């Protein structure tokens, strides 16, 4: 692995290249924070795909792409004397030191859970009006639910036992079914409540619901694409097949795909 000096040289190299591109490349010169925003989101999703696939070569590349974006934003801000990359790095270093008094101070913690609780309490002391203030509004709903629950738990607002959470899931399931059977306009609200309670139970079981759902998505895609390929080999047209025919290929996909 690279030494600290090598890592610093590599980061310096990126900064130099970024400066050169911003000053000489027509495309790079034209970019703004707003124009880069959607590209950054895309890069982050590409990183998450690589992580889910356990493709470390792609993880390495995607981390580099994201690092480029971070440096790009800082370079743009420096042009109007707002801040530069050193300000950003010092900001996160200061925050990490302040938020880890058990490492850089005289606070004792028993475990990871106590670290999380201290983290949220420190945020409030810094002037945040709500422990939920740091949850981005634009987060996907599933991820947002996990973060909201996790932050509430950090200040002690949580169920005591997983059995209580499972009872809540059962309660919400019954309420959803009742509204669905009645054709009520509250069915969407009850479905949301059911999902929120399931996410809560998953959290108690140590399951990341977003990861779990994405793995199921990938599994479904793989099996469905097997169905498409194998049925085409047999001269069948997907839209003209019966459900029973498709189910035969689906069962094969479970063992062959």
Protein backbone atom coordinates (compact mmCIF):
# COMPACT_ATOMS: atom_id res chain seq x y z
CA UNK A 1 0.00 0.00 0.00
CA UNK A 2 1.02 3.60 -0.50
CA UNK A 3 2.81 5.58 2.19
CA UNK A 4 1.36 8.79 3.65
CA UNK A 5 3.79 10.75 1.45
CA UNK A 6 2.53 8.92 -1.64
CA UNK A 7 -1.07 9.66 -0.69
CA UNK A 8 -0.32 13.35 -0.21
CA UNK A 9 1.49 13.47 -3.57
CA UNK A 10 -1.47 11.83 -5.30
CA UNK A 11 -3.87 14.36 -3.77
CA UNK A 12 -1.58 17.22 -4.78
CA UNK A 13 -1.49 15.80 -8.32
CA UNK A 14 -5.28 15.86 -8.48
CA UNK A 15 -5.37 19.47 -7.26
CA UNK A 16 -2.85 20.51 -9.91
CA UNK A 17 -4.76 18.73 -12.68
CA UNK A 18 -8.02 20.29 -11.50
CA UNK A 19 -6.47 23.76 -11.66
CA UNK A 20 -5.16 23.10 -15.17
CA UNK A 21 -8.49 21.77 -16.43
CA UNK A 22 -10.42 24.68 -14.93
CA UNK A 23 -8.09 27.15 -16.64
CA UNK A 24 -7.65 25.45 -20.03
CA UNK A 25 -10.45 22.96 -20.83
CA UNK A 26 -13.60 24.52 -22.39
CA UNK A 27 -15.91 21.97 -20.75
CA UNK A 28 -14.37 22.24 -17.28
CA UNK A 29 -14.25 26.04 -17.49
CA UNK A 30 -18.00 26.14 -18.18
CA UNK A 31 -19.13 24.02 -15.22
CA UNK A 32 -20.92 25.39 -12.16
CA UNK A 33 -21.97 23.78 -8.90
CA UNK A 34 -25.49 23.48 -10.31
CA UNK A 35 -24.33 21.81 -13.52
CA UNK A 36 -22.18 19.31 -11.59
CA UNK A 37 -24.86 18.41 -9.04
CA UNK A 38 -26.72 15.77 -11.07
CA UNK A 39 -23.42 14.27 -12.23
CA UNK A 40 -22.27 13.93 -8.63
CA UNK A 41 -25.47 12.13 -7.68
CA UNK A 42 -24.91 9.74 -10.60
CA UNK A 43 -21.33 9.07 -9.47
CA UNK A 44 -22.48 8.25 -5.94
CA UNK A 45 -25.02 5.76 -7.26
CA UNK A 46 -22.31 4.17 -9.42
CA UNK A 47 -20.21 3.79 -6.28
CA UNK A 48 -23.08 2.14 -4.43
CA UNK A 49 -23.56 -0.28 -7.35
CA UNK A 50 -19.88 -1.23 -7.20
CA UNK A 51 -20.10 -1.75 -3.43
CA UNK A 52 -23.20 -3.94 -3.78
CA UNK A 53 -21.43 -5.97 -6.48
CA UNK A 54 -18.32 -6.23 -4.29
CA UNK A 55 -16.27 -5.04 -7.28
CA UNK A 56 -13.29 -3.44 -5.55
CA UNK A 57 -11.67 -2.34 -8.81
CA UNK A 58 -14.81 -0.35 -9.64
CA UNK A 59 -15.04 0.96 -6.06
CA UNK A 60 -11.51 2.31 -6.46
CA UNK A 61 -12.40 4.05 -9.73
CA UNK A 62 -15.69 5.47 -8.47
CA UNK A 63 -14.03 6.87 -5.34
CA UNK A 64 -11.63 8.69 -7.64
CA UNK A 65 -14.53 10.10 -9.65
CA UNK A 66 -16.24 11.35 -6.50
CA UNK A 67 -13.00 12.83 -5.20
CA UNK A 68 -12.69 14.75 -8.46
CA UNK A 69 -16.14 16.22 -7.90
CA UNK A 70 -15.30 17.29 -4.36
CA UNK A 71 -12.15 19.03 -5.56
CA UNK A 72 -14.12 20.58 -8.45
CA UNK A 73 -16.68 22.17 -6.11
CA UNK A 74 -13.94 23.56 -3.88
CA UNK A 75 -12.08 24.99 -6.87
CA UNK A 76 -15.25 26.76 -8.07
CA UNK A 77 -15.83 28.24 -4.61
CA UNK A 78 -12.23 29.42 -4.41
CA UNK A 79 -12.70 31.51 -7.56
CA UNK A 80 -15.12 33.77 -5.67
CA UNK A 81 -13.03 33.70 -2.49
CA UNK A 82 -15.73 31.81 -0.57
CA UNK A 83 -13.61 28.82 0.50
CA UNK A 84 -11.10 26.36 -0.90
CA UNK A 85 -10.34 22.66 -0.44
CA UNK A 86 -8.17 23.33 2.63
CA UNK A 87 -11.13 25.06 4.32
CA UNK A 88 -13.36 22.06 3.58
CA UNK A 89 -10.81 19.57 4.88
CA UNK A 90 -10.10 21.59 8.01
CA UNK A 91 -13.84 21.90 8.61
CA UNK A 92 -14.38 18.15 8.62
CA UNK A 93 -11.25 17.59 10.72
CA UNK A 94 -12.47 20.08 13.34
CA UNK A 95 -15.92 18.46 13.37
CA UNK A 96 -14.50 14.97 13.78
CA UNK A 97 -12.36 16.07 16.71
CA UNK A 98 -15.29 17.89 18.36
CA UNK A 99 -17.67 14.95 17.80
CA UNK A 100 -15.23 12.37 19.22
CA UNK A 101 -14.50 13.56 22.77
CA UNK A 102 -13.93 9.90 23.73
CA UNK A 103 -10.86 9.99 21.47
CA UNK A 104 -9.71 13.62 21.66
CA UNK A 105 -11.10 14.50 25.08
CA UNK A 106 -11.81 12.96 28.47
CA UNK A 107 -15.20 11.35 27.78
CA UNK A 108 -15.63 7.61 28.36
CA UNK A 109 -18.00 5.52 26.25
CA UNK A 110 -19.09 1.92 26.72
CA UNK A 111 -19.92 0.96 23.14
CA UNK A 112 -20.90 2.07 19.64
CA UNK A 113 -24.45 2.92 20.71
CA UNK A 114 -23.20 5.40 23.29
CA UNK A 115 -20.98 6.99 20.65
CA UNK A 116 -24.06 7.56 18.46
CA UNK A 117 -26.02 9.04 21.35
CA UNK A 118 -23.20 11.45 22.21
CA UNK A 119 -22.93 12.42 18.52
CA UNK A 120 -26.58 13.52 18.36
CA UNK A 121 -26.38 15.37 21.69
CA UNK A 122 -23.29 17.23 20.52
CA UNK A 123 -25.15 18.31 17.37
CA UNK A 124 -27.85 19.92 19.51
CA UNK A 125 -25.22 21.70 21.58
CA UNK A 126 -23.78 23.10 18.35
CA UNK A 127 -27.03 24.95 17.77
CA UNK A 128 -29.08 22.55 15.67
CA UNK A 129 -32.77 22.91 16.50
CA UNK A 130 -33.63 19.28 15.80
CA UNK A 131 -31.77 15.98 15.73
CA UNK A 132 -33.54 15.39 12.41
CA UNK A 133 -32.23 18.61 10.89
CA UNK A 134 -29.27 16.88 9.28
CA UNK A 135 -31.39 14.43 7.27
CA UNK A 136 -31.31 15.67 3.64
CA UNK A 137 -34.76 16.45 2.25
CA UNK A 138 -33.86 14.94 -1.12
CA UNK A 139 -32.86 11.52 0.25
CA UNK A 140 -34.83 8.60 -1.23
CA UNK A 141 -37.76 7.87 1.08
CA UNK A 142 -36.52 4.43 2.14
CA UNK A 143 -33.08 5.73 3.09
CA UNK A 144 -34.61 8.76 4.76
CA UNK A 145 -36.81 6.56 6.97
CA UNK A 146 -33.73 4.65 8.15
CA UNK A 147 -31.85 7.86 8.94
CA UNK A 148 -34.81 9.44 10.73
CA UNK A 149 -35.30 6.38 12.92
CA UNK A 150 -31.59 6.06 13.63
CA UNK A 151 -31.30 9.70 14.69
CA UNK A 152 -34.37 9.49 16.92
CA UNK A 153 -32.86 6.41 18.52
CA UNK A 154 -29.68 8.39 19.19
CA UNK A 155 -31.52 10.53 21.74
CA UNK A 156 -33.45 7.65 23.29
CA UNK A 157 -36.72 7.81 21.30
CA UNK A 158 -37.07 4.16 20.42
CA UNK A 159 -38.77 0.90 21.31
CA UNK A 160 -37.28 -1.13 24.15
CA UNK A 161 -37.68 -4.58 22.54
CA UNK A 162 -38.05 -5.92 19.01
CA UNK A 163 -41.24 -7.75 20.05
CA UNK A 164 -42.87 -4.35 20.51
CA UNK A 165 -41.82 -3.36 17.01
CA UNK A 166 -43.17 -6.59 15.52
CA UNK A 167 -46.50 -5.97 17.25
CA UNK A 168 -46.54 -2.54 15.61
CA UNK A 169 -45.89 -4.16 12.22
CA UNK A 170 -48.85 -6.50 12.74
CA UNK A 171 -51.04 -3.60 13.81
CA UNK A 172 -50.08 -1.53 10.76
CA UNK A 173 -50.60 -4.52 8.46
CA UNK A 174 -54.14 -5.02 9.74
CA UNK A 175 -54.91 -1.30 9.36
CA UNK A 176 -53.54 -1.29 5.81
CA UNK A 177 -55.56 -4.39 4.86
CA UNK A 178 -58.73 -2.88 6.30
CA UNK A 179 -58.32 0.35 4.36
CA UNK A 180 -57.37 -1.54 1.18
CA UNK A 181 -60.42 -3.81 1.44
CA UNK A 182 -62.64 -0.77 2.00
CA UNK A 183 -61.18 1.09 -0.98
CA UNK A 184 -60.42 3.96 1.36
CA UNK A 185 -58.50 7.06 0.33
CA UNK A 186 -56.33 6.42 3.42
CA UNK A 187 -54.79 3.29 1.91
CA UNK A 188 -51.64 5.12 0.76
CA UNK A 189 -51.12 6.61 4.21
CA UNK A 190 -51.55 3.22 5.85
CA UNK A 191 -49.13 1.64 3.37
CA UNK A 192 -46.56 4.27 4.34
CA UNK A 193 -47.11 3.51 8.02
CA UNK A 194 -46.67 -0.21 7.32
CA UNK A 195 -43.41 0.36 5.45
CA UNK A 196 -42.11 2.62 8.20
CA UNK A 197 -42.83 -0.03 10.84
CA UNK A 198 -41.16 -2.75 8.72
CA UNK A 199 -38.10 -0.55 8.32
CA UNK A 200 -38.08 -0.11 12.09
CA UNK A 201 -38.19 -3.87 12.63
CA UNK A 202 -35.42 -4.39 10.07
CA UNK A 203 -33.29 -1.91 12.01
CA UNK A 204 -33.77 -3.94 15.19
CA UNK A 205 -32.66 -7.06 13.31
CA UNK A 206 -29.54 -5.33 11.98
CA UNK A 207 -30.84 -5.30 8.40
CA UNK A 208 -30.31 -2.34 6.10
CA UNK A 209 -33.67 -2.27 4.27
CA UNK A 210 -32.29 -0.35 1.30
CA UNK A 211 -29.55 -2.94 0.79
CA UNK A 212 -32.04 -5.77 1.26
CA UNK A 213 -34.47 -4.35 -1.30
CA UNK A 214 -31.70 -3.63 -3.80
CA UNK A 215 -30.44 -7.22 -3.53
CA UNK A 216 -33.99 -8.40 -4.20
CA UNK A 217 -34.17 -6.04 -7.19
CA UNK A 218 -30.96 -7.49 -8.58
CA UNK A 219 -32.18 -11.04 -8.00
CA UNK A 220 -35.49 -10.33 -9.76
CA UNK A 221 -33.72 -8.68 -12.72
CA UNK A 222 -31.32 -11.59 -13.09
CA UNK A 223 -34.10 -14.17 -13.02
CA UNK A 224 -36.39 -12.21 -15.32
CA UNK A 225 -33.59 -11.73 -17.85
CA UNK A 226 -32.96 -15.49 -17.69
CA UNK A 227 -36.65 -16.00 -18.49
CA UNK A 228 -36.36 -13.64 -21.47
CA UNK A 229 -33.24 -15.29 -22.91
CA UNK A 230 -34.27 -18.90 -22.38
CA UNK A 231 -37.82 -18.47 -23.68
CA UNK A 232 -36.45 -16.71 -26.78
CA UNK A 233 -34.15 -19.70 -27.38
CA UNK A 234 -37.26 -21.87 -27.46
CA UNK A 235 -38.85 -19.56 -30.03
CA UNK A 236 -41.40 -18.10 -27.64
CA UNK A 237 -42.53 -14.47 -27.47
CA UNK A 238 -42.66 -13.11 -23.93
CA UNK A 239 -45.89 -11.14 -24.32
CA UNK A 240 -47.68 -14.13 -25.84
CA UNK A 241 -46.74 -16.69 -23.18
CA UNK A 242 -49.10 -17.85 -20.46
CA UNK A 243 -48.26 -17.18 -16.83
CA UNK A 244 -47.78 -20.92 -16.33
CA UNK A 245 -45.21 -21.03 -19.15
CA UNK A 246 -43.32 -18.07 -17.74
CA UNK A 247 -43.42 -19.58 -14.26
CA UNK A 248 -41.67 -22.67 -15.59
CA UNK A 249 -38.71 -20.58 -16.73
CA UNK A 250 -38.83 -18.64 -13.46
CA UNK A 251 -38.47 -21.83 -11.44
CA UNK A 252 -35.49 -22.81 -13.63
CA UNK A 253 -33.96 -19.39 -13.03
CA UNK A 254 -33.98 -20.01 -9.28
CA UNK A 255 -31.54 -22.88 -9.72
CA UNK A 256 -29.68 -22.00 -12.95
CA UNK A 257 -29.37 -18.18 -12.87
